C-alpha atoms as a PDB file:
ATOM      1  CA  MET A   1      64.214 -64.734 -17.936  1.00  0.00           C
ATOM      2  CA  SER A   2      63.361 -61.342 -19.378  1.00  0.00           C
ATOM      3  CA  ILE A   3      64.569 -58.130 -17.773  1.00  0.00           C
ATOM      4  CA  VAL A   4      60.981 -57.301 -16.767  1.00  0.00           C
ATOM      5  CA  ARG A   5      60.463 -60.706 -15.166  1.00  0.00           C
ATOM      6  CA  LYS A   6      63.797 -60.437 -13.346  1.00  0.00           C
ATOM      7  CA  PHE A   7      62.771 -57.005 -12.076  1.00  0.00           C
ATOM      8  CA  LEU A   8      59.402 -58.318 -10.876  1.00  0.00           C
ATOM      9  CA  ALA A   9      61.041 -61.284  -9.183  1.00  0.00           C
ATOM     10  CA  ALA A  10      63.546 -59.041  -7.434  1.00  0.00           C
ATOM     11  CA  ALA A  11      60.752 -56.701  -6.373  1.00  0.00           C
ATOM     12  CA  ALA A  12      58.776 -59.627  -4.963  1.00  0.00           C
ATOM     13  CA  VAL A  13      61.777 -60.786  -2.941  1.00  0.00           C
ATOM     14  CA  ALA A  14      62.354 -57.277  -1.631  1.00  0.00           C
ATOM     15  CA  ALA A  15      58.707 -56.929  -0.659  1.00  0.00           C
ATOM     16  CA  ALA A  16      58.777 -60.266   1.108  1.00  0.00           C
ATOM     17  CA  MET A  17      61.893 -59.254   3.015  1.00  0.00           C
ATOM     18  CA  PHE A  18      60.275 -55.969   4.028  1.00  0.00           C
ATOM     19  CA  ALA A  19      57.182 -57.782   5.294  1.00  0.00           C
ATOM     20  CA  MET A  20      59.143 -60.326   7.309  1.00  0.00           C
ATOM     21  CA  PRO A  21      59.402 -59.793  11.071  1.00  0.00           C
ATOM     22  CA  ALA A  22      62.675 -58.254  12.151  1.00  0.00           C
ATOM     23  CA  SER A  23      65.439 -60.797  12.450  1.00  0.00           C
ATOM     24  CA  ALA A  24      67.303 -61.180  15.721  1.00  0.00           C
ATOM     25  CA  GLN A  25      70.525 -60.779  13.740  1.00  0.00           C
ATOM     26  CA  ASP A  26      70.108 -57.178  12.629  1.00  0.00           C
ATOM     27  CA  MET A  27      67.705 -55.562  15.048  1.00  0.00           C
ATOM     28  CA  LYS A  28      67.863 -51.924  16.176  1.00  0.00           C
ATOM     29  CA  ILE A  29      65.843 -51.100  19.286  1.00  0.00           C
ATOM     30  CA  ALA A  30      65.634 -47.464  20.401  1.00  0.00           C
ATOM     31  CA  LEU A  31      65.326 -46.813  24.132  1.00  0.00           C
ATOM     32  CA  VAL A  32      63.867 -43.290  24.248  1.00  0.00           C
ATOM     33  CA  VAL A  33      64.008 -41.699  27.698  1.00  0.00           C
ATOM     34  CA  LYS A  34      62.452 -38.560  29.142  1.00  0.00           C
ATOM     35  CA  ALA A  35      65.785 -36.766  29.267  1.00  0.00           C
ATOM     36  CA  LEU A  36      69.465 -37.635  29.094  1.00  0.00           C
ATOM     37  CA  GLY A  37      71.680 -37.099  32.117  1.00  0.00           C
ATOM     38  CA  ASN A  38      69.217 -38.740  34.529  1.00  0.00           C
ATOM     39  CA  GLY A  39      70.696 -41.489  36.718  1.00  0.00           C
ATOM     40  CA  PHE A  40      67.489 -43.524  36.643  1.00  0.00           C
ATOM     41  CA  PHE A  41      67.546 -43.730  32.853  1.00  0.00           C
ATOM     42  CA  ASP A  42      71.293 -44.342  32.744  1.00  0.00           C
ATOM     43  CA  ALA A  43      70.652 -47.373  34.964  1.00  0.00           C
ATOM     44  CA  ALA A  44      67.806 -48.469  32.666  1.00  0.00           C
ATOM     45  CA  ASN A  45      70.190 -48.260  29.719  1.00  0.00           C
ATOM     46  CA  LYS A  46      72.585 -50.573  31.535  1.00  0.00           C
ATOM     47  CA  GLY A  47      69.805 -53.165  31.723  1.00  0.00           C
ATOM     48  CA  ALA A  48      68.846 -52.560  28.098  1.00  0.00           C
ATOM     49  CA  GLN A  49      72.403 -53.295  26.991  1.00  0.00           C
ATOM     50  CA  GLU A  50      72.399 -56.466  29.117  1.00  0.00           C
ATOM     51  CA  ALA A  51      69.243 -57.682  27.368  1.00  0.00           C
ATOM     52  CA  ALA A  52      70.728 -56.914  23.950  1.00  0.00           C
ATOM     53  CA  LYS A  53      73.869 -58.902  24.779  1.00  0.00           C
ATOM     54  CA  GLU A  54      71.845 -61.821  26.138  1.00  0.00           C
ATOM     55  CA  LEU A  55      69.509 -61.968  23.131  1.00  0.00           C
ATOM     56  CA  GLY A  56      72.276 -61.335  20.597  1.00  0.00           C
ATOM     57  CA  GLY A  57      72.309 -59.409  17.323  1.00  0.00           C
ATOM     58  CA  ILE A  58      70.655 -56.313  18.798  1.00  0.00           C
ATOM     59  CA  GLU A  59      71.867 -52.722  18.784  1.00  0.00           C
ATOM     60  CA  VAL A  60      70.258 -50.585  21.483  1.00  0.00           C
ATOM     61  CA  ILE A  61      70.097 -46.902  20.577  1.00  0.00           C
ATOM     62  CA  TYR A  62      69.918 -45.021  23.892  1.00  0.00           C
ATOM     63  CA  THR A  63      68.531 -41.554  23.251  1.00  0.00           C
ATOM     64  CA  GLY A  64      66.356 -38.761  24.585  1.00  0.00           C
ATOM     65  CA  PRO A  65      66.098 -34.957  24.646  1.00  0.00           C
ATOM     66  CA  THR A  66      68.343 -32.812  26.831  1.00  0.00           C
ATOM     67  CA  ALA A  67      65.244 -31.451  28.607  1.00  0.00           C
ATOM     68  CA  ALA A  68      62.173 -33.479  29.549  1.00  0.00           C
ATOM     69  CA  THR A  69      59.780 -32.214  26.856  1.00  0.00           C
ATOM     70  CA  ALA A  70      57.367 -33.938  24.502  1.00  0.00           C
ATOM     71  CA  GLU A  71      58.601 -31.746  21.646  1.00  0.00           C
ATOM     72  CA  GLY A  72      62.128 -33.026  22.114  1.00  0.00           C
ATOM     73  CA  GLN A  73      60.930 -36.636  22.080  1.00  0.00           C
ATOM     74  CA  VAL A  74      58.860 -36.086  18.918  1.00  0.00           C
ATOM     75  CA  GLU A  75      61.935 -34.773  17.110  1.00  0.00           C
ATOM     76  CA  ILE A  76      63.987 -37.786  18.213  1.00  0.00           C
ATOM     77  CA  ILE A  77      61.290 -40.294  17.238  1.00  0.00           C
ATOM     78  CA  ASN A  78      61.016 -38.761  13.760  1.00  0.00           C
ATOM     79  CA  SER A  79      64.766 -39.255  13.402  1.00  0.00           C
ATOM     80  CA  LEU A  80      64.473 -42.885  14.519  1.00  0.00           C
ATOM     81  CA  ILE A  81      61.740 -43.509  11.942  1.00  0.00           C
ATOM     82  CA  ALA A  82      64.076 -42.155   9.268  1.00  0.00           C
ATOM     83  CA  GLN A  83      66.763 -44.554  10.521  1.00  0.00           C
ATOM     84  CA  ASN A  84      64.375 -47.511  10.030  1.00  0.00           C
ATOM     85  CA  VAL A  85      64.779 -48.849  13.546  1.00  0.00           C
ATOM     86  CA  ASN A  86      62.900 -52.071  14.279  1.00  0.00           C
ATOM     87  CA  ALA A  87      61.425 -51.035  17.614  1.00  0.00           C
ATOM     88  CA  ILE A  88      60.950 -47.967  19.799  1.00  0.00           C
ATOM     89  CA  ALA A  89      60.548 -48.263  23.565  1.00  0.00           C
ATOM     90  CA  VAL A  90      59.672 -44.869  25.034  1.00  0.00           C
ATOM     91  CA  SER A  91      59.223 -43.388  28.494  1.00  0.00           C
ATOM     92  CA  ALA A  92      56.882 -40.549  27.569  1.00  0.00           C
ATOM     93  CA  ASN A  93      56.950 -36.939  28.689  1.00  0.00           C
ATOM     94  CA  ASP A  94      53.307 -36.600  27.593  1.00  0.00           C
ATOM     95  CA  PRO A  95      50.760 -39.393  27.038  1.00  0.00           C
ATOM     96  CA  ASP A  96      49.007 -37.722  24.107  1.00  0.00           C
ATOM     97  CA  ALA A  97      51.532 -35.479  22.359  1.00  0.00           C
ATOM     98  CA  LEU A  98      53.609 -38.442  21.178  1.00  0.00           C
ATOM     99  CA  VAL A  99      50.670 -40.371  19.708  1.00  0.00           C
ATOM    100  CA  PRO A 100      50.784 -38.957  16.129  1.00  0.00           C
ATOM    101  CA  VAL A 101      54.492 -39.620  15.634  1.00  0.00           C
ATOM    102  CA  LEU A 102      54.283 -43.065  17.239  1.00  0.00           C
ATOM    103  CA  LYS A 103      51.314 -43.986  15.048  1.00  0.00           C
ATOM    104  CA  LYS A 104      53.458 -42.940  12.091  1.00  0.00           C
ATOM    105  CA  ALA A 105      56.186 -45.285  13.357  1.00  0.00           C
ATOM    106  CA  MET A 106      53.758 -48.205  13.670  1.00  0.00           C
ATOM    107  CA  GLU A 107      52.421 -47.527  10.163  1.00  0.00           C
ATOM    108  CA  ARG A 108      56.010 -47.957   8.954  1.00  0.00           C
ATOM    109  CA  GLY A 109      56.135 -51.391  10.578  1.00  0.00           C
ATOM    110  CA  ILE A 110      58.083 -50.303  13.669  1.00  0.00           C
ATOM    111  CA  THR A 111      57.200 -52.020  16.952  1.00  0.00           C
ATOM    112  CA  VAL A 112      56.250 -49.414  19.585  1.00  0.00           C
ATOM    113  CA  ILE A 113      55.962 -49.921  23.320  1.00  0.00           C
ATOM    114  CA  SER A 114      55.969 -47.504  26.220  1.00  0.00           C
ATOM    115  CA  TRP A 115      57.607 -48.217  29.560  1.00  0.00           C
ATOM    116  CA  ASP A 116      57.946 -46.355  32.864  1.00  0.00           C
ATOM    117  CA  SER A 117      55.726 -43.434  31.732  1.00  0.00           C
ATOM    118  CA  GLY A 118      52.993 -44.468  29.340  1.00  0.00           C
ATOM    119  CA  VAL A 119      51.593 -43.352  26.017  1.00  0.00           C
ATOM    120  CA  ALA A 120      47.859 -43.334  25.220  1.00  0.00           C
ATOM    121  CA  ALA A 121      46.730 -46.754  23.967  1.00  0.00           C
ATOM    122  CA  GLU A 122      46.422 -45.697  20.319  1.00  0.00           C
ATOM    123  CA  GLY A 123      50.097 -44.687  20.269  1.00  0.00           C
ATOM    124  CA  ARG A 124      51.673 -47.980  21.332  1.00  0.00           C
ATOM    125  CA  GLN A 125      51.220 -51.737  21.227  1.00  0.00           C
ATOM    126  CA  MET A 126      51.644 -52.213  24.977  1.00  0.00           C
ATOM    127  CA  HIS A 127      52.848 -50.457  28.115  1.00  0.00           C
ATOM    128  CA  LEU A 128      55.123 -51.732  30.875  1.00  0.00           C
ATOM    129  CA  ASN A 129      54.541 -50.147  34.254  1.00  0.00           C
ATOM    130  CA  PRO A 130      57.507 -50.460  36.611  1.00  0.00           C
ATOM    131  CA  SER A 131      55.074 -51.570  39.312  1.00  0.00           C
ATOM    132  CA  ASP A 132      51.356 -51.638  40.067  1.00  0.00           C
ATOM    133  CA  THR A 133      50.038 -48.066  40.036  1.00  0.00           C
ATOM    134  CA  ASP A 134      47.874 -48.388  43.175  1.00  0.00           C
ATOM    135  CA  LEU A 135      50.719 -50.064  45.033  1.00  0.00           C
ATOM    136  CA  ILE A 136      53.117 -47.248  44.162  1.00  0.00           C
ATOM    137  CA  GLY A 137      50.552 -44.640  45.234  1.00  0.00           C
ATOM    138  CA  GLU A 138      50.095 -46.343  48.594  1.00  0.00           C
ATOM    139  CA  THR A 139      53.837 -46.872  49.022  1.00  0.00           C
ATOM    140  CA  ILE A 140      54.812 -43.227  48.601  1.00  0.00           C
ATOM    141  CA  ILE A 141      52.253 -42.140  51.224  1.00  0.00           C
ATOM    142  CA  LYS A 142      53.205 -44.963  53.602  1.00  0.00           C
ATOM    143  CA  LEU A 143      56.858 -43.941  53.381  1.00  0.00           C
ATOM    144  CA  ALA A 144      55.855 -40.611  54.931  1.00  0.00           C
ATOM    145  CA  ALA A 145      53.141 -41.922  57.270  1.00  0.00           C
ATOM    146  CA  ASP A 146      55.401 -44.546  58.867  1.00  0.00           C
ATOM    147  CA  TYR A 147      57.479 -41.748  60.381  1.00  0.00           C
ATOM    148  CA  LEU A 148      54.524 -39.514  61.291  1.00  0.00           C
ATOM    149  CA  PRO A 149      52.625 -41.441  63.990  1.00  0.00           C
ATOM    150  CA  GLU A 150      50.644 -38.320  64.894  1.00  0.00           C
ATOM    151  CA  GLY A 151      50.019 -37.424  61.248  1.00  0.00           C
ATOM    152  CA  GLY A 152      50.558 -33.969  59.805  1.00  0.00           C
ATOM    153  CA  ASP A 153      50.968 -31.894  56.662  1.00  0.00           C
ATOM    154  CA  VAL A 154      52.767 -33.381  53.672  1.00  0.00           C
ATOM    155  CA  ALA A 155      53.301 -32.152  50.110  1.00  0.00           C
ATOM    156  CA  ILE A 156      54.173 -33.823  46.828  1.00  0.00           C
ATOM    157  CA  LEU A 157      56.969 -32.626  44.556  1.00  0.00           C
ATOM    158  CA  SER A 158      56.320 -34.310  41.205  1.00  0.00           C
ATOM    159  CA  ALA A 159      58.087 -34.283  37.834  1.00  0.00           C
ATOM    160  CA  SER A 160      56.120 -32.635  34.998  1.00  0.00           C
ATOM    161  CA  SER A 161      52.387 -31.996  35.147  1.00  0.00           C
ATOM    162  CA  THR A 162      51.900 -34.164  32.034  1.00  0.00           C
ATOM    163  CA  ALA A 163      53.965 -37.191  33.149  1.00  0.00           C
ATOM    164  CA  THR A 164      51.600 -40.165  32.866  1.00  0.00           C
ATOM    165  CA  ASN A 165      53.200 -42.255  35.577  1.00  0.00           C
ATOM    166  CA  GLN A 166      53.582 -39.433  38.107  1.00  0.00           C
ATOM    167  CA  ASN A 167      49.953 -38.343  37.699  1.00  0.00           C
ATOM    168  CA  ALA A 168      48.658 -41.910  38.051  1.00  0.00           C
ATOM    169  CA  TRP A 169      50.682 -42.501  41.228  1.00  0.00           C
ATOM    170  CA  ILE A 170      49.539 -39.217  42.761  1.00  0.00           C
ATOM    171  CA  GLU A 171      45.883 -39.979  42.032  1.00  0.00           C
ATOM    172  CA  ALA A 172      46.316 -43.429  43.573  1.00  0.00           C
ATOM    173  CA  ALA A 173      47.925 -41.833  46.626  1.00  0.00           C
ATOM    174  CA  LYS A 174      45.074 -39.352  47.033  1.00  0.00           C
ATOM    175  CA  LYS A 175      42.526 -42.160  46.734  1.00  0.00           C
ATOM    176  CA  ILE A 176      44.106 -44.205  49.511  1.00  0.00           C
ATOM    177  CA  LEU A 177      44.557 -41.309  51.971  1.00  0.00           C
ATOM    178  CA  PRO A 178      41.100 -41.196  53.637  1.00  0.00           C
ATOM    179  CA  GLU A 179      40.888 -44.951  54.038  1.00  0.00           C
ATOM    180  CA  LYS A 180      44.377 -45.904  55.239  1.00  0.00           C
ATOM    181  CA  PHE A 181      46.102 -42.674  56.252  1.00  0.00           C
ATOM    182  CA  PRO A 182      43.419 -40.340  57.682  1.00  0.00           C
ATOM    183  CA  LYS A 183      45.956 -38.415  59.792  1.00  0.00           C
ATOM    184  CA  ILE A 184      48.020 -37.422  56.767  1.00  0.00           C
ATOM    185  CA  ASN A 185      47.012 -34.064  55.266  1.00  0.00           C
ATOM    186  CA  LEU A 186      48.165 -33.507  51.671  1.00  0.00           C
ATOM    187  CA  VAL A 187      48.478 -29.728  51.407  1.00  0.00           C
ATOM    188  CA  ALA A 188      49.930 -29.274  47.897  1.00  0.00           C
ATOM    189  CA  THR A 189      51.276 -30.868  44.745  1.00  0.00           C
ATOM    190  CA  VAL A 190      53.943 -28.975  42.809  1.00  0.00           C
ATOM    191  CA  TYR A 191      55.980 -29.783  39.705  1.00  0.00           C
ATOM    192  CA  GLY A 192      59.735 -29.585  39.254  1.00  0.00           C
ATOM    193  CA  ASP A 193      59.777 -30.916  35.668  1.00  0.00           C
ATOM    194  CA  ASP A 194      62.608 -33.340  36.516  1.00  0.00           C
ATOM    195  CA  ASP A 195      64.900 -30.319  36.528  1.00  0.00           C
ATOM    196  CA  SER A 196      67.216 -29.936  39.532  1.00  0.00           C
ATOM    197  CA  VAL A 197      67.018 -26.148  39.700  1.00  0.00           C
ATOM    198  CA  LYS A 198      63.233 -25.965  39.359  1.00  0.00           C
ATOM    199  CA  SER A 199      62.749 -28.859  41.792  1.00  0.00           C
ATOM    200  CA  THR A 200      64.981 -27.080  44.310  1.00  0.00           C
ATOM    201  CA  ASN A 201      62.961 -23.873  43.992  1.00  0.00           C
ATOM    202  CA  GLU A 202      59.669 -25.747  44.313  1.00  0.00           C
ATOM    203  CA  ALA A 203      60.882 -27.500  47.463  1.00  0.00           C
ATOM    204  CA  LYS A 204      61.922 -24.163  48.977  1.00  0.00           C
ATOM    205  CA  GLY A 205      58.506 -22.760  48.039  1.00  0.00           C
ATOM    206  CA  LEU A 206      56.700 -25.585  49.832  1.00  0.00           C
ATOM    207  CA  ILE A 207      58.712 -25.032  53.008  1.00  0.00           C
ATOM    208  CA  ALA A 208      58.040 -21.277  52.889  1.00  0.00           C
ATOM    209  CA  SER A 209      54.314 -21.694  52.169  1.00  0.00           C
ATOM    210  CA  TYR A 210      53.566 -24.411  54.725  1.00  0.00           C
ATOM    211  CA  PRO A 211      55.326 -23.763  58.052  1.00  0.00           C
ATOM    212  CA  ASN A 212      53.880 -26.959  59.578  1.00  0.00           C
ATOM    213  CA  LEU A 213      55.101 -29.165  56.741  1.00  0.00           C
ATOM    214  CA  LYS A 214      56.318 -32.517  58.065  1.00  0.00           C
ATOM    215  CA  ALA A 215      57.274 -34.326  54.866  1.00  0.00           C
ATOM    216  CA  ILE A 216      57.979 -33.787  51.177  1.00  0.00           C
ATOM    217  CA  ILE A 217      57.122 -36.783  48.985  1.00  0.00           C
ATOM    218  CA  ALA A 218      58.887 -36.779  45.613  1.00  0.00           C
ATOM    219  CA  PRO A 219      57.995 -39.709  43.334  1.00  0.00           C
ATOM    220  CA  THR A 220      60.841 -38.707  41.003  1.00  0.00           C
ATOM    221  CA  THR A 221      64.543 -39.423  41.383  1.00  0.00           C
ATOM    222  CA  VAL A 222      65.466 -35.858  40.428  1.00  0.00           C
ATOM    223  CA  GLY A 223      62.965 -34.188  42.744  1.00  0.00           C
ATOM    224  CA  VAL A 224      63.711 -36.334  45.772  1.00  0.00           C
ATOM    225  CA  VAL A 225      67.428 -35.481  45.659  1.00  0.00           C
ATOM    226  CA  ALA A 226      66.667 -31.773  45.209  1.00  0.00           C
ATOM    227  CA  ALA A 227      64.241 -31.738  48.148  1.00  0.00           C
ATOM    228  CA  ALA A 228      66.634 -33.616  50.447  1.00  0.00           C
ATOM    229  CA  GLN A 229      69.415 -31.181  49.569  1.00  0.00           C
ATOM    230  CA  VAL A 230      67.135 -28.248  50.432  1.00  0.00           C
ATOM    231  CA  VAL A 231      66.244 -29.780  53.803  1.00  0.00           C
ATOM    232  CA  THR A 232      69.952 -30.369  54.461  1.00  0.00           C
ATOM    233  CA  ASP A 233      71.030 -26.877  53.430  1.00  0.00           C
ATOM    234  CA  MET A 234      68.237 -25.174  55.402  1.00  0.00           C
ATOM    235  CA  GLY A 235      69.055 -27.063  58.627  1.00  0.00           C
ATOM    236  CA  LEU A 236      65.654 -28.780  58.696  1.00  0.00           C
ATOM    237  CA  ILE A 237      66.880 -32.347  59.269  1.00  0.00           C
ATOM    238  CA  GLY A 238      64.549 -33.925  61.820  1.00  0.00           C
ATOM    239  CA  LYS A 239      61.828 -31.382  61.095  1.00  0.00           C
ATOM    240  CA  VAL A 240      60.957 -32.129  57.441  1.00  0.00           C
ATOM    241  CA  ASN A 241      61.379 -35.708  56.230  1.00  0.00           C
ATOM    242  CA  VAL A 242      61.995 -36.236  52.510  1.00  0.00           C
ATOM    243  CA  THR A 243      60.831 -39.445  50.915  1.00  0.00           C
ATOM    244  CA  GLY A 244      59.610 -40.870  47.621  1.00  0.00           C
ATOM    245  CA  LEU A 245      61.278 -42.766  44.789  1.00  0.00           C
ATOM    246  CA  ALA A 246      65.071 -42.606  44.721  1.00  0.00           C
ATOM    247  CA  LEU A 247      68.135 -44.281  43.275  1.00  0.00           C
ATOM    248  CA  PRO A 248      70.164 -45.667  46.198  1.00  0.00           C
ATOM    249  CA  SER A 249      73.449 -44.577  44.613  1.00  0.00           C
ATOM    250  CA  GLU A 250      72.245 -40.966  44.349  1.00  0.00           C
ATOM    251  CA  PHE A 251      70.377 -40.867  47.643  1.00  0.00           C
ATOM    252  CA  LYS A 252      72.556 -42.710  50.178  1.00  0.00           C
ATOM    253  CA  GLN A 253      74.017 -39.466  51.571  1.00  0.00           C
ATOM    254  CA  PHE A 254      70.546 -38.243  52.578  1.00  0.00           C
ATOM    255  CA  ILE A 255      69.646 -41.449  54.394  1.00  0.00           C
ATOM    256  CA  ASP A 256      73.037 -41.196  56.106  1.00  0.00           C
ATOM    257  CA  ASN A 257      72.546 -37.573  57.226  1.00  0.00           C
ATOM    258  CA  GLY A 258      68.950 -38.097  58.391  1.00  0.00           C
ATOM    259  CA  SER A 259      67.165 -35.795  55.956  1.00  0.00           C
ATOM    260  CA  SER A 260      65.334 -38.927  54.816  1.00  0.00           C
ATOM    261  CA  GLN A 261      64.272 -41.984  56.775  1.00  0.00           C
ATOM    262  CA  ALA A 262      63.409 -44.248  53.852  1.00  0.00           C
ATOM    263  CA  VAL A 263      62.695 -44.247  50.119  1.00  0.00           C
ATOM    264  CA  ALA A 264      61.619 -46.857  47.592  1.00  0.00           C
ATOM    265  CA  LEU A 265      62.158 -47.832  43.975  1.00  0.00           C
ATOM    266  CA  TRP A 266      62.046 -50.781  41.627  1.00  0.00           C
ATOM    267  CA  ASN A 267      65.234 -51.844  39.906  1.00  0.00           C
ATOM    268  CA  PRO A 268      65.697 -49.505  36.899  1.00  0.00           C
ATOM    269  CA  ILE A 269      68.270 -51.908  35.456  1.00  0.00           C
ATOM    270  CA  ASP A 270      65.562 -54.586  35.347  1.00  0.00           C
ATOM    271  CA  LEU A 271      63.144 -52.078  33.832  1.00  0.00           C
ATOM    272  CA  GLY A 272      65.428 -51.243  30.905  1.00  0.00           C
ATOM    273  CA  TYR A 273      66.222 -54.925  30.465  1.00  0.00           C
ATOM    274  CA  SER A 274      62.508 -55.786  30.399  1.00  0.00           C
ATOM    275  CA  ALA A 275      61.656 -53.018  27.904  1.00  0.00           C
ATOM    276  CA  VAL A 276      64.208 -54.292  25.388  1.00  0.00           C
ATOM    277  CA  TYR A 277      63.244 -57.926  25.983  1.00  0.00           C
ATOM    278  CA  ILE A 278      59.568 -57.135  25.313  1.00  0.00           C
ATOM    279  CA  ALA A 279      60.348 -55.036  22.225  1.00  0.00           C
ATOM    280  CA  HIS A 280      62.371 -57.955  20.854  1.00  0.00           C
ATOM    281  CA  GLN A 281      59.555 -60.448  21.530  1.00  0.00           C
ATOM    282  CA  LEU A 282      57.045 -58.267  19.696  1.00  0.00           C
ATOM    283  CA  ALA A 283      59.306 -57.219  16.807  1.00  0.00           C
ATOM    284  CA  THR A 284      60.217 -60.824  16.027  1.00  0.00           C
ATOM    285  CA  LYS A 285      56.524 -61.813  16.189  1.00  0.00           C
ATOM    286  CA  LYS A 286      57.172 -64.338  18.950  1.00  0.00           C
ATOM    287  CA  VAL A 287      54.166 -62.924  20.753  1.00  0.00           C
ATOM    288  CA  GLU A 288      51.316 -60.519  19.959  1.00  0.00           C
ATOM    289  CA  ALA A 289      50.360 -57.665  22.257  1.00  0.00           C
ATOM    290  CA  LYS A 290      46.756 -58.377  23.190  1.00  0.00           C
ATOM    291  CA  PRO A 291      44.783 -58.680  26.438  1.00  0.00           C
ATOM    292  CA  GLY A 292      45.680 -61.856  28.284  1.00  0.00           C
ATOM    293  CA  ALA A 293      48.944 -62.377  26.379  1.00  0.00           C
ATOM    294  CA  LYS A 294      51.831 -63.679  28.435  1.00  0.00           C
ATOM    295  CA  ILE A 295      55.191 -62.160  27.534  1.00  0.00           C
ATOM    296  CA  SER A 296      58.575 -63.319  28.765  1.00  0.00           C
ATOM    297  CA  ILE A 297      60.907 -60.722  30.244  1.00  0.00           C
ATOM    298  CA  GLY A 298      63.827 -63.111  30.491  1.00  0.00           C
ATOM    299  CA  LYS A 299      65.523 -63.349  33.863  1.00  0.00           C
ATOM    300  CA  VAL A 300      63.029 -60.861  35.357  1.00  0.00           C
ATOM    301  CA  GLY A 301      60.095 -63.230  34.807  1.00  0.00           C
ATOM    302  CA  GLU A 302      56.858 -62.991  32.865  1.00  0.00           C
ATOM    303  CA  ILE A 303      54.056 -60.442  32.507  1.00  0.00           C
ATOM    304  CA  THR A 304      50.403 -60.817  31.518  1.00  0.00           C
ATOM    305  CA  LEU A 305      48.736 -57.956  29.635  1.00  0.00           C
ATOM    306  CA  ASP A 306      45.506 -56.528  31.017  1.00  0.00           C
ATOM    307  CA  ASP A 307      42.555 -55.125  29.060  1.00  0.00           C
ATOM    308  CA  THR A 308      44.552 -51.998  28.195  1.00  0.00           C
ATOM    309  CA  ASN A 309      47.564 -54.009  26.996  1.00  0.00           C
ATOM    310  CA  SER A 310      49.474 -52.943  30.096  1.00  0.00           C
ATOM    311  CA  ALA A 311      51.363 -54.912  32.730  1.00  0.00           C
ATOM    312  CA  ALA A 312      53.423 -54.253  35.862  1.00  0.00           C
ATOM    313  CA  MET A 313      56.990 -55.476  36.309  1.00  0.00           C
ATOM    314  CA  ALA A 314      57.504 -55.761  40.088  1.00  0.00           C
ATOM    315  CA  ALA A 315      56.671 -54.294  43.503  1.00  0.00           C
ATOM    316  CA  PRO A 316      58.741 -51.327  44.735  1.00  0.00           C
ATOM    317  CA  PHE A 317      61.505 -52.085  47.222  1.00  0.00           C
ATOM    318  CA  GLN A 318      62.227 -49.986  50.329  1.00  0.00           C
ATOM    319  CA  PHE A 319      65.656 -48.571  51.145  1.00  0.00           C
ATOM    320  CA  ASP A 320      66.671 -47.313  54.591  1.00  0.00           C
ATOM    321  CA  LYS A 321      69.727 -47.300  56.868  1.00  0.00           C
ATOM    322  CA  SER A 322      69.686 -51.093  57.031  1.00  0.00           C
ATOM    323  CA  ASN A 323      70.280 -51.727  53.321  1.00  0.00           C
ATOM    324  CA  ILE A 324      71.048 -48.594  51.326  1.00  0.00           C
ATOM    325  CA  GLU A 325      74.812 -49.094  51.574  1.00  0.00           C
ATOM    326  CA  GLU A 326      74.490 -52.463  49.836  1.00  0.00           C
ATOM    327  CA  PHE A 327      72.153 -51.268  47.077  1.00  0.00           C
ATOM    328  CA  SER A 328      74.005 -48.008  46.448  1.00  0.00           C
ATOM    329  CA  LYS A 329      76.814 -50.114  44.995  1.00  0.00           C
ATOM    330  CA  ILE A 330      74.421 -51.684  42.464  1.00  0.00           C
ATOM    331  CA  TYR A 331      72.334 -48.800  41.069  1.00  0.00           C
END
């Protein structure tokens, strides 16, 4: 065989290898979170590593910016593209700002999904919600309303103003208020950017601005801890109830001291596990992300994609004095 023909043959083999779906023996899946140092995402990483071990031959790259910004995530995703990872599973700080870099990743043959906090449809192949958006919106209001039989003023302390999941849950909560919780008066929504110091200051601001405030609802694990600490430190236990979405391990002390009556959350370990399992299914071409597609998420079950190529993992679970001790030992 001539040198030219050998070169062409080698090139053809290389091209074929490049075009092949990623093998389960050498797969790199990046789990990109909103920010490092967040207990929720650390728990998700635990599940991601479990999925990698179960599936075999997978390296999970757990990464994210030090602060919850879209700019930080863009920089990290560019680095992952340069590393030729097989898949990127991202919890987005902004639904639109990440689209250009994620489109670039997909053009390079990288599987892209969003989970927890979504990316606009053109920037990913599918999105995994932790739970049904309307159900979460109703749950976070109900957690406050259940302990306010006479109704009253409540406020929401969210993460960032651009967080896809937070905004969707808040809109769902507002929609359900007149119909199911007419006695609950939502007086304000503020943003702590998933930063403990800013969330603390925002919680203090709500208490100062609304003297009749009965509850602070924080659908963010950072904000809910900050708000409960403020209520504790200001001697407002029994006057202002803090509720929302919380990690039992981080929040048990506030259920114990009475600054909160109950909170809810899905299992973040299962969420990280499911994100990696889905990324593997798509990257190995075992399934295609399209409306109506059924995708296995291993021990967690199965999801079916809707018309937006999105699906929900599971219903949120409530934690109170009866069970938080047990679950605080798990996550």
